[in-house]
Amino acid sequence: MLYSNSYWLNDPYAYRLPPAYGTLRWVRYYDDALLVDIRDGYVVDVIHDFFW
């Protein structure tokens, strides 16, 4: 549910995040930015308190 496209950060460059390639997407989760593989839901990277 939290990995639906309404939570995706479609333009990571606007947030100064590294680009996400292939099936990876940046997702906002509360104050954190998560790099998620949307095929299986695995979290690849986390930036804590990014949106603080």
PDB file of N, CA and C in Angstrom:
ATOM      1  N   MET A   1       0.818  -1.189   0.000  1.00  0.00           N
ATOM      2  CA  MET A   1       0.000   0.000   0.000  1.00  0.00           C
ATOM      3  C   MET A   1       0.869   1.262   0.000  1.00  0.00           C
ATOM      4  N   LEU A   2       1.885   1.326   0.839  1.00  0.00           N
ATOM      5  CA  LEU A   2       2.726   2.522   0.904  1.00  0.00           C
ATOM      6  C   LEU A   2       3.647   2.662  -0.293  1.00  0.00           C
ATOM      7  N   TYR A   3       3.746   1.631  -1.107  1.00  0.00           N
ATOM      8  CA  TYR A   3       4.614   1.705  -2.270  1.00  0.00           C
ATOM      9  C   TYR A   3       3.828   2.015  -3.538  1.00  0.00           C
ATOM     10  N   SER A   4       2.580   2.457  -3.400  1.00  0.00           N
ATOM     11  CA  SER A   4       1.811   2.841  -4.580  1.00  0.00           C
ATOM     12  C   SER A   4       2.386   4.125  -5.153  1.00  0.00           C
ATOM     13  N   ASN A   5       2.060   4.402  -6.396  1.00  0.00           N
ATOM     14  CA  ASN A   5       2.687   5.535  -7.070  1.00  0.00           C
ATOM     15  C   ASN A   5       2.296   6.884  -6.483  1.00  0.00           C
ATOM     16  N   SER A   6       1.329   6.966  -5.608  1.00  0.00           N
ATOM     17  CA  SER A   6       0.993   8.246  -4.981  1.00  0.00           C
ATOM     18  C   SER A   6       2.037   8.659  -3.937  1.00  0.00           C
ATOM     19  N   TYR A   7       2.884   7.727  -3.498  1.00  0.00           N
ATOM     20  CA  TYR A   7       3.946   8.028  -2.546  1.00  0.00           C
ATOM     21  C   TYR A   7       5.308   8.210  -3.213  1.00  0.00           C
ATOM     22  N   TRP A   8       5.404   7.946  -4.523  1.00  0.00           N
ATOM     23  CA  TRP A   8       6.673   8.031  -5.226  1.00  0.00           C
ATOM     24  C   TRP A   8       7.116   9.468  -5.349  1.00  0.00           C
ATOM     25  N   LEU A   9       8.409   9.679  -5.293  1.00  0.00           N
ATOM     26  CA  LEU A   9       9.008  10.973  -5.593  1.00  0.00           C
ATOM     27  C   LEU A   9       9.414  10.905  -7.059  1.00  0.00           C
ATOM     28  N   ASN A  10       8.549  11.403  -7.929  1.00  0.00           N
ATOM     29  CA  ASN A  10       8.734  11.236  -9.366  1.00  0.00           C
ATOM     30  C   ASN A  10       9.941  11.978  -9.919  1.00  0.00           C
ATOM     31  N   ASP A  11      10.382  13.035  -9.259  1.00  0.00           N
ATOM     32  CA  ASP A  11      11.531  13.799  -9.725  1.00  0.00           C
ATOM     33  C   ASP A  11      12.581  13.858  -8.621  1.00  0.00           C
ATOM     34  N   PRO A  12      13.400  12.807  -8.469  1.00  0.00           N
ATOM     35  CA  PRO A  12      14.378  12.788  -7.383  1.00  0.00           C
ATOM     36  C   PRO A  12      15.368  13.942  -7.471  1.00  0.00           C
ATOM     37  N   TYR A  13      15.636  14.426  -8.677  1.00  0.00           N
ATOM     38  CA  TYR A  13      16.567  15.539  -8.859  1.00  0.00           C
ATOM     39  C   TYR A  13      16.073  16.792  -8.134  1.00  0.00           C
ATOM     40  N   ALA A  14      14.771  17.010  -8.115  1.00  0.00           N
ATOM     41  CA  ALA A  14      14.196  18.178  -7.437  1.00  0.00           C
ATOM     42  C   ALA A  14      14.434  18.123  -5.927  1.00  0.00           C
ATOM     43  N   TYR A  15      14.605  16.928  -5.387  1.00  0.00           N
ATOM     44  CA  TYR A  15      14.866  16.750  -3.955  1.00  0.00           C
ATOM     45  C   TYR A  15      16.347  16.514  -3.676  1.00  0.00           C
ATOM     46  N   ARG A  16      17.184  16.638  -4.691  1.00  0.00           N
ATOM     47  CA  ARG A  16      18.629  16.384  -4.593  1.00  0.00           C
ATOM     48  C   ARG A  16      18.937  14.949  -4.173  1.00  0.00           C
ATOM     49  N   LEU A  17      18.116  14.016  -4.648  1.00  0.00           N
ATOM     50  CA  LEU A  17      18.352  12.596  -4.418  1.00  0.00           C
ATOM     51  C   LEU A  17      19.034  12.001  -5.644  1.00  0.00           C
ATOM     52  N   PRO A  18      19.793  10.929  -5.469  1.00  0.00           N
ATOM     53  CA  PRO A  18      20.379  10.253  -6.628  1.00  0.00           C
ATOM     54  C   PRO A  18      19.282   9.672  -7.515  1.00  0.00           C
ATOM     55  N   PRO A  19      19.544   9.517  -8.799  1.00  0.00           N
ATOM     56  CA  PRO A  19      18.521   8.944  -9.681  1.00  0.00           C
ATOM     57  C   PRO A  19      18.220   7.498  -9.310  1.00  0.00           C
ATOM     58  N   ALA A  20      16.997   7.090  -9.585  1.00  0.00           N
ATOM     59  CA  ALA A  20      16.561   5.707  -9.361  1.00  0.00           C
ATOM     60  C   ALA A  20      16.345   5.059 -10.721  1.00  0.00           C
ATOM     61  N   TYR A  21      17.005   3.940 -10.959  1.00  0.00           N
ATOM     62  CA  TYR A  21      16.958   3.279 -12.265  1.00  0.00           C
ATOM     63  C   TYR A  21      16.174   1.984 -12.196  1.00  0.00           C
ATOM     64  N   GLY A  22      15.674   1.570 -13.340  1.00  0.00           N
ATOM     65  CA  GLY A  22      14.985   0.284 -13.453  1.00  0.00           C
ATOM     66  C   GLY A  22      13.725   0.242 -12.611  1.00  0.00           C
ATOM     67  N   THR A  23      13.643  -0.742 -11.755  1.00  0.00           N
ATOM     68  CA  THR A  23      12.449  -0.920 -10.925  1.00  0.00           C
ATOM     69  C   THR A  23      12.589  -0.264  -9.556  1.00  0.00           C
ATOM     70  N   LEU A  24      13.626   0.552  -9.370  1.00  0.00           N
ATOM     71  CA  LEU A  24      13.807   1.258  -8.102  1.00  0.00           C
ATOM     72  C   LEU A  24      13.073   2.588  -8.140  1.00  0.00           C
ATOM     73  N   ARG A  25      12.454   2.954  -7.028  1.00  0.00           N
ATOM     74  CA  ARG A  25      11.750   4.228  -6.912  1.00  0.00           C
ATOM     75  C   ARG A  25      12.022   4.822  -5.542  1.00  0.00           C
ATOM     76  N   TRP A  26      12.159   6.141  -5.507  1.00  0.00           N
ATOM     77  CA  TRP A  26      12.227   6.850  -4.227  1.00  0.00           C
ATOM     78  C   TRP A  26      10.811   7.023  -3.711  1.00  0.00           C
ATOM     79  N   VAL A  27      10.614   6.724  -2.443  1.00  0.00           N
ATOM     80  CA  VAL A  27       9.300   6.764  -1.809  1.00  0.00           C
ATOM     81  C   VAL A  27       9.414   7.589  -0.538  1.00  0.00           C
ATOM     82  N   ARG A  28       8.435   8.453  -0.318  1.00  0.00           N
ATOM     83  CA  ARG A  28       8.393   9.193   0.944  1.00  0.00           C
ATOM     84  C   ARG A  28       7.630   8.373   1.971  1.00  0.00           C
ATOM     85  N   TYR A  29       8.240   8.182   3.130  1.00  0.00           N
ATOM     86  CA  TYR A  29       7.601   7.486   4.246  1.00  0.00           C
ATOM     87  C   TYR A  29       7.813   8.332   5.486  1.00  0.00           C
ATOM     88  N   TYR A  30       6.784   9.057   5.910  1.00  0.00           N
ATOM     89  CA  TYR A  30       6.860  10.056   6.974  1.00  0.00           C
ATOM     90  C   TYR A  30       7.982  11.038   6.650  1.00  0.00           C
ATOM     91  N   ASP A  31       9.014  11.143   7.485  1.00  0.00           N
ATOM     92  CA  ASP A  31      10.108  12.088   7.234  1.00  0.00           C
ATOM     93  C   ASP A  31      11.284  11.450   6.507  1.00  0.00           C
ATOM     94  N   ASP A  32      11.157  10.197   6.106  1.00  0.00           N
ATOM     95  CA  ASP A  32      12.258   9.471   5.492  1.00  0.00           C
ATOM     96  C   ASP A  32      12.062   9.333   3.985  1.00  0.00           C
ATOM     97  N   ALA A  33      13.166   9.194   3.276  1.00  0.00           N
ATOM     98  CA  ALA A  33      13.147   8.871   1.851  1.00  0.00           C
ATOM     99  C   ALA A  33      13.698   7.456   1.715  1.00  0.00           C
ATOM    100  N   LEU A  34      12.917   6.573   1.099  1.00  0.00           N
ATOM    101  CA  LEU A  34      13.303   5.178   0.938  1.00  0.00           C
ATOM    102  C   LEU A  34      13.475   4.878  -0.540  1.00  0.00           C
ATOM    103  N   LEU A  35      14.530   4.169  -0.874  1.00  0.00           N
ATOM    104  CA  LEU A  35      14.723   3.667  -2.230  1.00  0.00           C
ATOM    105  C   LEU A  35      14.210   2.242  -2.234  1.00  0.00           C
ATOM    106  N   VAL A  36      13.129   2.009  -2.973  1.00  0.00           N
ATOM    107  CA  VAL A  36      12.410   0.741  -2.908  1.00  0.00           C
ATOM    108  C   VAL A  36      12.409   0.072  -4.276  1.00  0.00           C
ATOM    109  N   ASP A  37      12.614  -1.238  -4.285  1.00  0.00           N
ATOM    110  CA  ASP A  37      12.439  -2.028  -5.498  1.00  0.00           C
ATOM    111  C   ASP A  37      10.961  -2.367  -5.580  1.00  0.00           C
ATOM    112  N   ILE A  38      10.259  -1.791  -6.550  1.00  0.00           N
ATOM    113  CA  ILE A  38       8.803  -1.938  -6.592  1.00  0.00           C
ATOM    114  C   ILE A  38       8.359  -3.324  -7.039  1.00  0.00           C
ATOM    115  N   ARG A  39       9.281  -4.156  -7.545  1.00  0.00           N
ATOM    116  CA  ARG A  39       8.899  -5.523  -7.914  1.00  0.00           C
ATOM    117  C   ARG A  39       8.593  -6.366  -6.694  1.00  0.00           C
ATOM    118  N   ASP A  40       9.442  -6.254  -5.677  1.00  0.00           N
ATOM    119  CA  ASP A  40       9.278  -7.132  -4.519  1.00  0.00           C
ATOM    120  C   ASP A  40       9.132  -6.394  -3.193  1.00  0.00           C
ATOM    121  N   GLY A  41       9.235  -5.052  -3.204  1.00  0.00           N
ATOM    122  CA  GLY A  41       9.019  -4.269  -1.995  1.00  0.00           C
ATOM    123  C   GLY A  41      10.229  -4.137  -1.090  1.00  0.00           C
ATOM    124  N   TYR A  42      11.383  -4.639  -1.520  1.00  0.00           N
ATOM    125  CA  TYR A  42      12.582  -4.520  -0.682  1.00  0.00           C
ATOM    126  C   TYR A  42      13.080  -3.086  -0.638  1.00  0.00           C
ATOM    127  N   VAL A  43      13.456  -2.650   0.537  1.00  0.00           N
ATOM    128  CA  VAL A  43      14.034  -1.325   0.717  1.00  0.00           C
ATOM    129  C   VAL A  43      15.536  -1.446   0.486  1.00  0.00           C
ATOM    130  N   VAL A  44      16.037  -0.704  -0.491  1.00  0.00           N
ATOM    131  CA  VAL A  44      17.437  -0.776  -0.869  1.00  0.00           C
ATOM    132  C   VAL A  44      18.271   0.238  -0.090  1.00  0.00           C
ATOM    133  N   ASP A  45      17.706   1.419   0.153  1.00  0.00           N
ATOM    134  CA  ASP A  45      18.431   2.478   0.848  1.00  0.00           C
ATOM    135  C   ASP A  45      17.430   3.335   1.609  1.00  0.00           C
ATOM    136  N   VAL A  46      17.886   3.955   2.712  1.00  0.00           N
ATOM    137  CA  VAL A  46      17.043   4.835   3.525  1.00  0.00           C
ATOM    138  C   VAL A  46      17.828   6.081   3.867  1.00  0.00           C
ATOM    139  N   ILE A  47      17.182   7.224   3.731  1.00  0.00           N
ATOM    140  CA  ILE A  47      17.740   8.477   4.227  1.00  0.00           C
ATOM    141  C   ILE A  47      16.793   8.965   5.326  1.00  0.00           C
ATOM    142  N   HIS A  48      17.226   8.865   6.562  1.00  0.00           N
ATOM    143  CA  HIS A  48      16.389   9.216   7.705  1.00  0.00           C
ATOM    144  C   HIS A  48      16.252  10.730   7.832  1.00  0.00           C
ATOM    145  N   ASP A  49      15.081  11.182   8.271  1.00  0.00           N
ATOM    146  CA  ASP A  49      14.779  12.595   8.540  1.00  0.00           C
ATOM    147  C   ASP A  49      15.068  13.498   7.339  1.00  0.00           C
ATOM    148  N   PHE A  50      14.825  13.011   6.143  1.00  0.00           N
ATOM    149  CA  PHE A  50      15.089  13.777   4.929  1.00  0.00           C
ATOM    150  C   PHE A  50      14.115  14.936   4.781  1.00  0.00           C
ATOM    151  N   PHE A  51      12.874  14.756   5.174  1.00  0.00           N
ATOM    152  CA  PHE A  51      11.844  15.781   5.021  1.00  0.00           C
ATOM    153  C   PHE A  51      11.549  16.507   6.321  1.00  0.00           C
ATOM    154  N   TRP A  52      12.489  16.537   7.215  1.00  0.00           N
ATOM    155  CA  TRP A  52      12.279  17.162   8.515  1.00  0.00           C
ATOM    156  C   TRP A  52      12.193  18.645   8.399  1.00  0.00           C
TER     157      TRP A  52
END
